[in-house]
Amino acid sequence: MQQSPSTTSSTTYTTIPISGADVISRSFQNLSTFVTRHRSWPEFISTFDRPDSLSDAGIRLRLNAKYFFVNYSIIISIIAAASLIGSPISLVIFALTSLLWLVLYFFREDPMVVWGHHVSDWIVMLSLVIVTFLAVWFTGMVVNLMIGIGVALLILAVHGVLRNPEGLFLDENDAVSTGLIRARSAPISQFGDF
């Protein structure tokens, strides 16, 4: 009895091995692309007023956090680093640890290959957690770092609540109601209605 060709053949997919240097290079490119997506700083510091209600403050905070996400990330990093100025060794270790997280985990697109073996994302993350824990433990920078991050989050929360997001976003429903765009109508059947 002869089997059909579809049952005997199997499809195999292979990946092109990528060196660690290529992964790091692409990660740096992705990191620089992320940083260049920040909103303009004059736009960031304009149009402040008091929200009308607590729910309005929550909506403002959510919308501003989404719109200014890259700006907020930059500010948190700068304030966290500034909190470590008193200890240059802690500052250097914080910078190196942050760079490792950014390059090896957050902005990496390709699978990590070390000495010809694929490294799982879980192993990369676990290794980075261990390195971060050891760095925090040996430098004793956890208190200063938490104070810096706390101050940054407080400043950004105040900005998010007081920054009026009017004009930043164009919601699709708002655009339809103001007549800027037309609502999509139901698709027309090519065979007509029966």
N, C-alpha and C. Protein backbone atom coordinates (compact mmCIF):
# COMPACT_ATOMS: atom_id res chain seq x y z
N MET A 1 0.84 -1.16 0.00
CA MET A 1 0.00 0.00 0.00
C MET A 1 0.89 1.23 0.00
N GLN A 2 0.58 2.16 -0.85
CA GLN A 2 1.41 3.35 -1.01
C GLN A 2 0.78 4.53 -0.30
N GLN A 3 1.62 5.29 0.44
CA GLN A 3 1.11 6.45 1.17
C GLN A 3 1.12 7.66 0.25
N SER A 4 0.23 8.55 0.52
CA SER A 4 0.19 9.77 -0.27
C SER A 4 1.39 10.65 0.10
N PRO A 5 1.84 11.50 -0.84
CA PRO A 5 3.00 12.34 -0.58
C PRO A 5 2.80 13.30 0.59
N SER A 6 1.56 13.68 0.85
CA SER A 6 1.35 14.66 1.91
C SER A 6 1.58 14.07 3.29
N THR A 7 1.44 12.77 3.44
CA THR A 7 1.62 12.17 4.76
C THR A 7 3.07 11.78 5.02
N THR A 8 3.86 11.58 3.99
CA THR A 8 5.25 11.16 4.21
C THR A 8 6.21 12.33 4.30
N SER A 9 5.87 13.45 3.70
CA SER A 9 6.80 14.58 3.76
C SER A 9 6.48 15.45 4.97
N SER A 10 7.51 15.95 5.57
CA SER A 10 7.32 16.86 6.70
C SER A 10 8.08 18.15 6.41
N THR A 11 7.55 19.20 6.89
CA THR A 11 8.17 20.49 6.66
C THR A 11 9.00 20.84 7.88
N THR A 12 10.23 21.22 7.63
CA THR A 12 11.09 21.67 8.74
C THR A 12 11.49 23.11 8.48
N TYR A 13 11.50 23.86 9.53
CA TYR A 13 11.90 25.25 9.44
C TYR A 13 13.19 25.42 10.23
N THR A 14 14.08 26.16 9.67
CA THR A 14 15.32 26.43 10.37
C THR A 14 15.47 27.93 10.56
N THR A 15 16.21 28.28 11.55
CA THR A 15 16.48 29.69 11.76
C THR A 15 17.94 29.96 11.43
N ILE A 16 18.18 31.14 10.98
CA ILE A 16 19.54 31.53 10.67
C ILE A 16 20.20 31.94 11.99
N PRO A 17 21.31 31.32 12.34
CA PRO A 17 21.94 31.70 13.60
C PRO A 17 22.44 33.14 13.54
N ILE A 18 22.22 33.85 14.61
CA ILE A 18 22.62 35.24 14.70
C ILE A 18 23.59 35.37 15.87
N SER A 19 24.68 36.04 15.63
CA SER A 19 25.69 36.17 16.68
C SER A 19 25.21 37.11 17.77
N GLY A 20 25.83 37.00 18.94
CA GLY A 20 25.50 37.87 20.06
C GLY A 20 25.75 39.33 19.72
N ALA A 21 26.79 39.60 18.92
CA ALA A 21 27.09 40.99 18.53
C ALA A 21 25.97 41.56 17.67
N ASP A 22 25.40 40.73 16.77
CA ASP A 22 24.29 41.19 15.94
C ASP A 22 23.05 41.49 16.78
N VAL A 23 22.78 40.63 17.77
CA VAL A 23 21.63 40.84 18.65
C VAL A 23 21.80 42.15 19.41
N ILE A 24 22.98 42.39 19.94
CA ILE A 24 23.24 43.61 20.70
C ILE A 24 23.15 44.84 19.79
N SER A 25 23.67 44.73 18.58
CA SER A 25 23.62 45.84 17.64
C SER A 25 22.18 46.20 17.29
N ARG A 26 21.36 45.19 17.01
CA ARG A 26 19.94 45.44 16.70
C ARG A 26 19.20 46.00 17.91
N SER A 27 19.56 45.53 19.10
CA SER A 27 18.92 46.04 20.31
C SER A 27 19.24 47.52 20.50
N PHE A 28 20.48 47.91 20.25
CA PHE A 28 20.83 49.34 20.35
C PHE A 28 20.07 50.16 19.32
N GLN A 29 19.88 49.61 18.12
CA GLN A 29 19.10 50.32 17.11
C GLN A 29 17.65 50.49 17.57
N ASN A 30 17.07 49.42 18.14
CA ASN A 30 15.69 49.51 18.64
C ASN A 30 15.58 50.48 19.80
N LEU A 31 16.59 50.51 20.67
CA LEU A 31 16.60 51.44 21.79
C LEU A 31 16.65 52.89 21.29
N SER A 32 17.52 53.16 20.31
CA SER A 32 17.61 54.53 19.80
C SER A 32 16.33 54.92 19.06
N THR A 33 15.69 53.97 18.39
CA THR A 33 14.41 54.24 17.74
C THR A 33 13.34 54.57 18.78
N PHE A 34 13.34 53.84 19.89
CA PHE A 34 12.38 54.09 20.97
C PHE A 34 12.56 55.49 21.54
N VAL A 35 13.80 55.89 21.80
CA VAL A 35 14.07 57.20 22.39
C VAL A 35 13.69 58.33 21.43
N THR A 36 13.88 58.12 20.13
CA THR A 36 13.54 59.17 19.17
C THR A 36 12.03 59.33 18.99
N ARG A 37 11.23 58.42 19.54
CA ARG A 37 9.77 58.53 19.43
C ARG A 37 9.17 59.41 20.52
N HIS A 38 10.00 60.09 21.30
CA HIS A 38 9.45 60.95 22.35
C HIS A 38 8.70 62.13 21.74
N ARG A 39 7.75 62.63 22.51
CA ARG A 39 6.98 63.81 22.08
C ARG A 39 7.83 65.05 22.34
N SER A 40 7.55 66.12 21.62
CA SER A 40 8.37 67.33 21.79
C SER A 40 8.22 67.86 23.21
N TRP A 41 9.33 68.36 23.75
CA TRP A 41 9.33 68.85 25.13
C TRP A 41 8.48 70.10 25.31
N PRO A 42 8.42 71.03 24.34
CA PRO A 42 7.48 72.16 24.52
C PRO A 42 6.03 71.69 24.61
N GLU A 43 5.67 70.67 23.85
CA GLU A 43 4.32 70.11 23.94
C GLU A 43 4.11 69.46 25.30
N PHE A 44 5.16 68.85 25.84
CA PHE A 44 5.11 68.17 27.13
C PHE A 44 4.83 69.14 28.27
N ILE A 45 5.36 70.36 28.18
CA ILE A 45 5.23 71.30 29.30
C ILE A 45 4.20 72.40 29.04
N SER A 46 3.28 72.18 28.14
CA SER A 46 2.28 73.21 27.84
C SER A 46 0.89 72.75 28.29
N THR A 47 -0.04 73.68 28.34
CA THR A 47 -1.47 73.47 28.59
C THR A 47 -1.76 72.78 29.92
N PHE A 48 -1.45 73.47 31.00
CA PHE A 48 -1.77 72.94 32.32
C PHE A 48 -2.99 73.65 32.87
N ASP A 49 -3.88 72.88 33.49
CA ASP A 49 -5.00 73.43 34.24
C ASP A 49 -5.50 72.37 35.20
N ARG A 50 -6.40 72.77 36.06
CA ARG A 50 -6.93 71.87 37.09
C ARG A 50 -8.04 71.01 36.50
N PRO A 51 -8.05 69.71 36.80
CA PRO A 51 -9.14 68.86 36.30
C PRO A 51 -10.46 69.20 37.01
N ASP A 52 -11.55 68.92 36.34
CA ASP A 52 -12.87 69.25 36.88
C ASP A 52 -13.30 68.32 38.01
N SER A 53 -12.90 67.06 37.93
CA SER A 53 -13.31 66.09 38.94
C SER A 53 -12.23 65.03 39.11
N LEU A 54 -12.44 64.15 40.05
CA LEU A 54 -11.49 63.08 40.30
C LEU A 54 -11.47 62.10 39.12
N SER A 55 -12.62 61.84 38.53
CA SER A 55 -12.66 60.94 37.37
C SER A 55 -11.97 61.58 36.17
N ASP A 56 -12.12 62.90 36.02
CA ASP A 56 -11.43 63.61 34.95
C ASP A 56 -9.91 63.54 35.16
N ALA A 57 -9.48 63.62 36.42
CA ALA A 57 -8.04 63.51 36.73
C ALA A 57 -7.52 62.13 36.35
N GLY A 58 -8.31 61.09 36.63
CA GLY A 58 -7.90 59.73 36.26
C GLY A 58 -7.82 59.54 34.76
N ILE A 59 -8.77 60.12 34.05
CA ILE A 59 -8.76 60.03 32.58
C ILE A 59 -7.55 60.77 32.02
N ARG A 60 -7.29 61.95 32.56
CA ARG A 60 -6.12 62.72 32.11
C ARG A 60 -4.83 61.95 32.35
N LEU A 61 -4.72 61.37 33.53
CA LEU A 61 -3.51 60.62 33.87
C LEU A 61 -3.31 59.46 32.90
N ARG A 62 -4.37 58.73 32.61
CA ARG A 62 -4.28 57.59 31.69
C ARG A 62 -3.91 58.04 30.27
N LEU A 63 -4.58 59.08 29.78
CA LEU A 63 -4.31 59.56 28.42
C LEU A 63 -2.89 60.13 28.29
N ASN A 64 -2.47 60.93 29.27
CA ASN A 64 -1.13 61.51 29.22
C ASN A 64 -0.05 60.44 29.36
N ALA A 65 -0.30 59.43 30.20
CA ALA A 65 0.68 58.35 30.35
C ALA A 65 0.85 57.58 29.04
N LYS A 66 -0.24 57.40 28.32
CA LYS A 66 -0.16 56.70 27.03
C LYS A 66 0.53 57.57 25.98
N TYR A 67 0.18 58.85 25.94
CA TYR A 67 0.71 59.75 24.92
C TYR A 67 2.18 60.10 25.17
N PHE A 68 2.54 60.33 26.43
CA PHE A 68 3.90 60.75 26.78
C PHE A 68 4.72 59.60 27.37
N PHE A 69 4.42 58.37 27.01
CA PHE A 69 5.09 57.20 27.60
C PHE A 69 6.61 57.28 27.47
N VAL A 70 7.12 57.63 26.31
CA VAL A 70 8.57 57.69 26.10
C VAL A 70 9.17 58.83 26.94
N ASN A 71 8.52 59.98 26.96
CA ASN A 71 9.00 61.09 27.77
C ASN A 71 9.04 60.69 29.25
N TYR A 72 7.99 60.03 29.71
CA TYR A 72 7.95 59.59 31.11
C TYR A 72 9.07 58.59 31.39
N SER A 73 9.34 57.69 30.47
CA SER A 73 10.42 56.72 30.66
C SER A 73 11.77 57.42 30.76
N ILE A 74 11.98 58.41 29.93
CA ILE A 74 13.24 59.16 29.96
C ILE A 74 13.38 59.89 31.30
N ILE A 75 12.31 60.52 31.77
CA ILE A 75 12.37 61.28 33.02
C ILE A 75 12.61 60.35 34.21
N ILE A 76 11.94 59.21 34.25
CA ILE A 76 12.15 58.26 35.35
C ILE A 76 13.60 57.78 35.36
N SER A 77 14.16 57.50 34.20
CA SER A 77 15.56 57.05 34.13
C SER A 77 16.52 58.13 34.60
N ILE A 78 16.28 59.37 34.20
CA ILE A 78 17.17 60.47 34.60
C ILE A 78 17.09 60.72 36.11
N ILE A 79 15.88 60.73 36.68
CA ILE A 79 15.75 60.99 38.11
C ILE A 79 16.29 59.82 38.92
N ALA A 80 16.07 58.59 38.46
CA ALA A 80 16.64 57.43 39.16
C ALA A 80 18.16 57.48 39.15
N ALA A 81 18.73 57.85 38.01
CA ALA A 81 20.19 57.98 37.93
C ALA A 81 20.68 59.13 38.81
N ALA A 82 19.95 60.24 38.84
CA ALA A 82 20.35 61.38 39.66
C ALA A 82 20.32 61.04 41.15
N SER A 83 19.45 60.13 41.54
CA SER A 83 19.38 59.74 42.96
C SER A 83 20.63 58.97 43.39
N LEU A 84 21.41 58.51 42.43
CA LEU A 84 22.62 57.75 42.74
C LEU A 84 23.89 58.57 42.55
N ILE A 85 23.76 59.87 42.33
CA ILE A 85 24.93 60.72 42.08
C ILE A 85 25.92 60.66 43.24
N GLY A 86 25.44 60.54 44.47
CA GLY A 86 26.32 60.50 45.62
C GLY A 86 27.25 59.31 45.65
N SER A 87 26.92 58.27 44.92
CA SER A 87 27.74 57.07 44.88
C SER A 87 28.05 56.75 43.42
N PRO A 88 29.20 57.19 42.93
CA PRO A 88 29.53 56.98 41.52
C PRO A 88 29.58 55.50 41.11
N ILE A 89 30.02 54.65 42.01
CA ILE A 89 30.07 53.21 41.69
C ILE A 89 28.65 52.67 41.50
N SER A 90 27.73 53.07 42.39
CA SER A 90 26.34 52.65 42.25
C SER A 90 25.74 53.17 40.95
N LEU A 91 26.09 54.40 40.60
CA LEU A 91 25.58 54.99 39.36
C LEU A 91 26.05 54.22 38.14
N VAL A 92 27.31 53.86 38.12
CA VAL A 92 27.86 53.09 36.99
C VAL A 92 27.22 51.70 36.93
N ILE A 93 27.07 51.06 38.08
CA ILE A 93 26.45 49.73 38.11
C ILE A 93 24.98 49.81 37.70
N PHE A 94 24.27 50.86 38.16
CA PHE A 94 22.88 51.06 37.74
C PHE A 94 22.79 51.25 36.23
N ALA A 95 23.69 52.04 35.67
CA ALA A 95 23.68 52.28 34.22
C ALA A 95 23.95 50.99 33.46
N LEU A 96 24.93 50.22 33.91
CA LEU A 96 25.26 48.97 33.22
C LEU A 96 24.13 47.95 33.34
N THR A 97 23.53 47.86 34.51
CA THR A 97 22.42 46.92 34.70
C THR A 97 21.22 47.32 33.85
N SER A 98 20.92 48.61 33.82
CA SER A 98 19.81 49.09 32.98
C SER A 98 20.09 48.82 31.51
N LEU A 99 21.31 49.04 31.10
CA LEU A 99 21.69 48.80 29.72
C LEU A 99 21.55 47.32 29.36
N LEU A 100 21.93 46.44 30.28
CA LEU A 100 21.76 45.01 30.04
C LEU A 100 20.29 44.65 29.85
N TRP A 101 19.41 45.19 30.71
CA TRP A 101 17.98 44.91 30.56
C TRP A 101 17.45 45.42 29.22
N LEU A 102 17.84 46.63 28.86
CA LEU A 102 17.35 47.21 27.63
C LEU A 102 17.83 46.45 26.40
N VAL A 103 19.10 46.11 26.39
CA VAL A 103 19.69 45.47 25.20
C VAL A 103 19.34 43.99 25.11
N LEU A 104 19.41 43.28 26.23
CA LEU A 104 19.23 41.83 26.18
C LEU A 104 17.79 41.37 26.36
N TYR A 105 16.90 42.25 26.85
CA TYR A 105 15.54 41.78 27.07
C TYR A 105 14.48 42.64 26.38
N PHE A 106 14.43 43.95 26.69
CA PHE A 106 13.32 44.76 26.21
C PHE A 106 13.38 45.07 24.71
N PHE A 107 14.55 45.32 24.16
CA PHE A 107 14.64 45.74 22.76
C PHE A 107 15.27 44.69 21.86
N ARG A 108 15.35 43.48 22.32
CA ARG A 108 15.93 42.40 21.51
C ARG A 108 14.82 41.80 20.66
N GLU A 109 15.06 41.66 19.37
CA GLU A 109 14.09 41.06 18.45
C GLU A 109 14.43 39.60 18.15
N ASP A 110 15.69 39.34 18.00
CA ASP A 110 16.14 38.02 17.55
C ASP A 110 16.41 37.11 18.73
N PRO A 111 16.33 35.80 18.49
CA PRO A 111 16.66 34.87 19.58
C PRO A 111 18.14 34.98 19.94
N MET A 112 18.42 34.80 21.21
CA MET A 112 19.80 34.87 21.68
C MET A 112 20.47 33.52 21.45
N VAL A 113 21.63 33.57 20.80
CA VAL A 113 22.40 32.36 20.54
C VAL A 113 23.78 32.55 21.16
N VAL A 114 24.14 31.65 22.07
CA VAL A 114 25.44 31.70 22.74
C VAL A 114 26.16 30.39 22.47
N TRP A 115 27.35 30.50 21.89
CA TRP A 115 28.19 29.34 21.52
C TRP A 115 27.40 28.31 20.72
N GLY A 116 26.58 28.79 19.81
CA GLY A 116 25.84 27.91 18.92
C GLY A 116 24.57 27.32 19.51
N HIS A 117 24.21 27.72 20.72
CA HIS A 117 23.00 27.19 21.37
C HIS A 117 22.00 28.31 21.60
N HIS A 118 20.75 28.01 21.30
CA HIS A 118 19.67 28.98 21.51
C HIS A 118 19.42 29.12 23.01
N VAL A 119 19.33 30.37 23.49
CA VAL A 119 19.07 30.66 24.90
C VAL A 119 17.63 31.13 25.03
N SER A 120 16.88 30.47 25.88
CA SER A 120 15.47 30.79 26.10
C SER A 120 15.31 32.18 26.70
N ASP A 121 14.19 32.84 26.40
CA ASP A 121 13.90 34.15 26.97
C ASP A 121 13.78 34.07 28.50
N TRP A 122 13.28 32.94 29.00
CA TRP A 122 13.16 32.77 30.45
C TRP A 122 14.54 32.75 31.11
N ILE A 123 15.49 32.11 30.46
CA ILE A 123 16.85 32.06 31.02
C ILE A 123 17.48 33.45 30.98
N VAL A 124 17.26 34.19 29.90
CA VAL A 124 17.78 35.56 29.81
C VAL A 124 17.19 36.41 30.92
N MET A 125 15.87 36.34 31.11
CA MET A 125 15.22 37.14 32.14
C MET A 125 15.69 36.73 33.53
N LEU A 126 15.77 35.44 33.81
CA LEU A 126 16.22 34.96 35.11
C LEU A 126 17.66 35.41 35.39
N SER A 127 18.50 35.35 34.37
CA SER A 127 19.88 35.81 34.53
C SER A 127 19.93 37.31 34.83
N LEU A 128 19.11 38.09 34.14
CA LEU A 128 19.09 39.53 34.38
C LEU A 128 18.55 39.86 35.77
N VAL A 129 17.56 39.11 36.24
CA VAL A 129 17.04 39.31 37.59
C VAL A 129 18.13 39.03 38.62
N ILE A 130 18.86 37.95 38.43
CA ILE A 130 19.94 37.60 39.36
C ILE A 130 21.03 38.67 39.34
N VAL A 131 21.43 39.12 38.15
CA VAL A 131 22.45 40.17 38.05
C VAL A 131 21.97 41.45 38.72
N THR A 132 20.71 41.83 38.51
CA THR A 132 20.16 43.04 39.12
C THR A 132 20.12 42.90 40.64
N PHE A 133 19.67 41.76 41.14
CA PHE A 133 19.62 41.53 42.58
C PHE A 133 21.01 41.62 43.19
N LEU A 134 21.99 40.99 42.56
CA LEU A 134 23.36 41.05 43.07
C LEU A 134 23.91 42.48 43.04
N ALA A 135 23.60 43.21 41.97
CA ALA A 135 24.07 44.60 41.87
C ALA A 135 23.47 45.46 42.98
N VAL A 136 22.18 45.30 43.22
CA VAL A 136 21.51 46.07 44.27
C VAL A 136 22.04 45.65 45.65
N TRP A 137 22.23 44.37 45.84
CA TRP A 137 22.70 43.86 47.12
C TRP A 137 24.10 44.36 47.46
N PHE A 138 25.02 44.25 46.52
CA PHE A 138 26.41 44.60 46.81
C PHE A 138 26.67 46.11 46.87
N THR A 139 25.90 46.89 46.15
CA THR A 139 26.13 48.34 46.18
C THR A 139 25.30 49.04 47.24
N GLY A 140 24.27 48.39 47.75
CA GLY A 140 23.42 49.01 48.77
C GLY A 140 22.65 50.21 48.25
N MET A 141 22.29 50.19 46.99
CA MET A 141 21.65 51.36 46.38
C MET A 141 20.14 51.29 46.37
N VAL A 142 19.54 50.29 46.99
CA VAL A 142 18.11 50.09 46.88
C VAL A 142 17.32 51.26 47.48
N VAL A 143 17.74 51.80 48.60
CA VAL A 143 16.98 52.89 49.24
C VAL A 143 17.02 54.13 48.37
N ASN A 144 18.21 54.53 47.93
CA ASN A 144 18.33 55.72 47.08
C ASN A 144 17.57 55.55 45.78
N LEU A 145 17.65 54.37 45.19
CA LEU A 145 16.97 54.11 43.92
C LEU A 145 15.45 54.16 44.09
N MET A 146 14.93 53.58 45.17
CA MET A 146 13.49 53.60 45.40
C MET A 146 13.00 55.03 45.67
N ILE A 147 13.80 55.82 46.38
CA ILE A 147 13.42 57.22 46.62
C ILE A 147 13.40 57.98 45.29
N GLY A 148 14.41 57.78 44.45
CA GLY A 148 14.46 58.44 43.15
C GLY A 148 13.29 58.06 42.26
N ILE A 149 12.99 56.78 42.20
CA ILE A 149 11.86 56.32 41.36
C ILE A 149 10.54 56.82 41.93
N GLY A 150 10.41 56.83 43.26
CA GLY A 150 9.19 57.35 43.89
C GLY A 150 8.97 58.82 43.59
N VAL A 151 10.04 59.61 43.69
CA VAL A 151 9.94 61.05 43.38
C VAL A 151 9.56 61.24 41.91
N ALA A 152 10.18 60.46 41.03
CA ALA A 152 9.88 60.57 39.59
C ALA A 152 8.42 60.23 39.32
N LEU A 153 7.92 59.16 39.92
CA LEU A 153 6.51 58.77 39.70
C LEU A 153 5.56 59.82 40.25
N LEU A 154 5.91 60.44 41.39
CA LEU A 154 5.07 61.50 41.94
C LEU A 154 5.03 62.71 41.01
N ILE A 155 6.19 63.12 40.50
CA ILE A 155 6.25 64.25 39.57
C ILE A 155 5.44 63.96 38.31
N LEU A 156 5.58 62.75 37.78
CA LEU A 156 4.88 62.41 36.55
C LEU A 156 3.38 62.25 36.78
N ALA A 157 2.98 61.81 37.97
CA ALA A 157 1.54 61.73 38.28
C ALA A 157 0.93 63.13 38.34
N VAL A 158 1.66 64.07 38.95
CA VAL A 158 1.18 65.45 38.99
C VAL A 158 1.09 66.01 37.58
N HIS A 159 2.11 65.75 36.75
CA HIS A 159 2.07 66.21 35.36
C HIS A 159 0.88 65.59 34.63
N GLY A 160 0.69 64.28 34.79
CA GLY A 160 -0.39 63.59 34.10
C GLY A 160 -1.77 64.09 34.47
N VAL A 161 -1.94 64.52 35.73
CA VAL A 161 -3.23 65.02 36.17
C VAL A 161 -3.45 66.47 35.73
N LEU A 162 -2.39 67.28 35.78
CA LEU A 162 -2.56 68.70 35.46
C LEU A 162 -2.43 69.02 33.97
N ARG A 163 -1.80 68.17 33.20
CA ARG A 163 -1.62 68.41 31.75
C ARG A 163 -2.94 68.14 31.06
N ASN A 164 -3.51 69.14 30.41
CA ASN A 164 -4.79 69.00 29.71
C ASN A 164 -4.55 68.28 28.39
N PRO A 165 -5.13 67.10 28.21
CA PRO A 165 -4.88 66.34 26.99
C PRO A 165 -5.74 66.75 25.80
N GLU A 166 -6.51 67.82 25.92
CA GLU A 166 -7.33 68.27 24.80
C GLU A 166 -6.46 68.55 23.59
N GLY A 167 -6.83 68.02 22.46
CA GLY A 167 -6.11 68.26 21.22
C GLY A 167 -4.97 67.30 20.96
N LEU A 168 -4.62 66.48 21.96
CA LEU A 168 -3.53 65.52 21.74
C LEU A 168 -4.01 64.30 20.98
N PHE A 169 -5.23 63.90 21.25
CA PHE A 169 -5.75 62.66 20.71
C PHE A 169 -6.96 62.94 19.84
N LEU A 170 -7.13 62.13 18.87
CA LEU A 170 -8.33 62.19 18.05
C LEU A 170 -8.97 60.83 18.12
N ASP A 171 -9.96 60.71 18.98
CA ASP A 171 -10.68 59.47 19.13
C ASP A 171 -11.54 59.24 17.90
N GLU A 172 -11.65 58.01 17.45
CA GLU A 172 -12.40 57.71 16.24
C GLU A 172 -13.87 58.12 16.37
N ASN A 173 -14.45 57.87 17.54
CA ASN A 173 -15.85 58.25 17.74
C ASN A 173 -16.02 59.77 17.73
N ASP A 174 -15.04 60.49 18.32
CA ASP A 174 -15.10 61.95 18.29
C ASP A 174 -14.97 62.47 16.86
N ALA A 175 -14.11 61.85 16.07
CA ALA A 175 -13.92 62.29 14.69
C ALA A 175 -15.20 62.08 13.87
N VAL A 176 -15.91 61.00 14.13
CA VAL A 176 -17.16 60.74 13.42
C VAL A 176 -18.21 61.75 13.86
N SER A 177 -18.31 62.02 15.17
CA SER A 177 -19.36 62.93 15.65
C SER A 177 -19.11 64.37 15.22
N THR A 178 -17.86 64.76 15.03
CA THR A 178 -17.59 66.12 14.58
C THR A 178 -17.61 66.25 13.06
N GLY A 179 -17.76 65.13 12.35
CA GLY A 179 -17.87 65.18 10.90
C GLY A 179 -16.53 65.16 10.18
N LEU A 180 -15.45 64.91 10.92
CA LEU A 180 -14.14 64.86 10.29
C LEU A 180 -13.99 63.65 9.38
N ILE A 181 -14.53 62.52 9.82
CA ILE A 181 -14.55 61.32 8.99
C ILE A 181 -15.95 60.76 8.98
N ARG A 182 -16.21 59.92 7.98
CA ARG A 182 -17.52 59.31 7.83
C ARG A 182 -17.51 57.94 8.49
N ALA A 183 -18.59 57.57 9.13
CA ALA A 183 -18.69 56.25 9.75
C ALA A 183 -18.73 55.19 8.66
N ARG A 184 -18.14 54.05 8.98
CA ARG A 184 -18.17 52.94 8.02
C ARG A 184 -19.57 52.38 7.95
N SER A 185 -20.05 52.18 6.74
CA SER A 185 -21.38 51.59 6.59
C SER A 185 -21.23 50.08 6.48
N ALA A 186 -22.33 49.40 6.56
CA ALA A 186 -22.30 47.93 6.45
C ALA A 186 -21.79 47.53 5.08
N PRO A 187 -20.99 46.47 4.99
CA PRO A 187 -20.47 46.04 3.70
C PRO A 187 -21.61 45.63 2.77
N ILE A 188 -21.45 45.96 1.51
CA ILE A 188 -22.47 45.63 0.51
C ILE A 188 -22.16 44.27 -0.06
N SER A 189 -23.13 43.44 -0.07
CA SER A 189 -22.95 42.08 -0.58
C SER A 189 -22.83 42.17 -2.10
N GLN A 190 -21.91 41.38 -2.66
CA GLN A 190 -21.73 41.39 -4.11
C GLN A 190 -22.87 40.69 -4.83
N PHE A 191 -23.63 39.90 -4.08
CA PHE A 191 -24.72 39.17 -4.70
C PHE A 191 -26.06 39.86 -4.50
N GLY A 192 -26.07 40.97 -3.79
CA GLY A 192 -27.33 41.67 -3.54
C GLY A 192 -28.08 41.03 -2.40
N ASP A 193 -29.14 41.63 -2.00
CA ASP A 193 -29.97 41.08 -0.93
C ASP A 193 -30.96 40.11 -1.52
N PHE A 194 -31.10 38.99 -0.85
CA PHE A 194 -32.05 37.98 -1.30
C PHE A 194 -33.24 37.94 -0.41
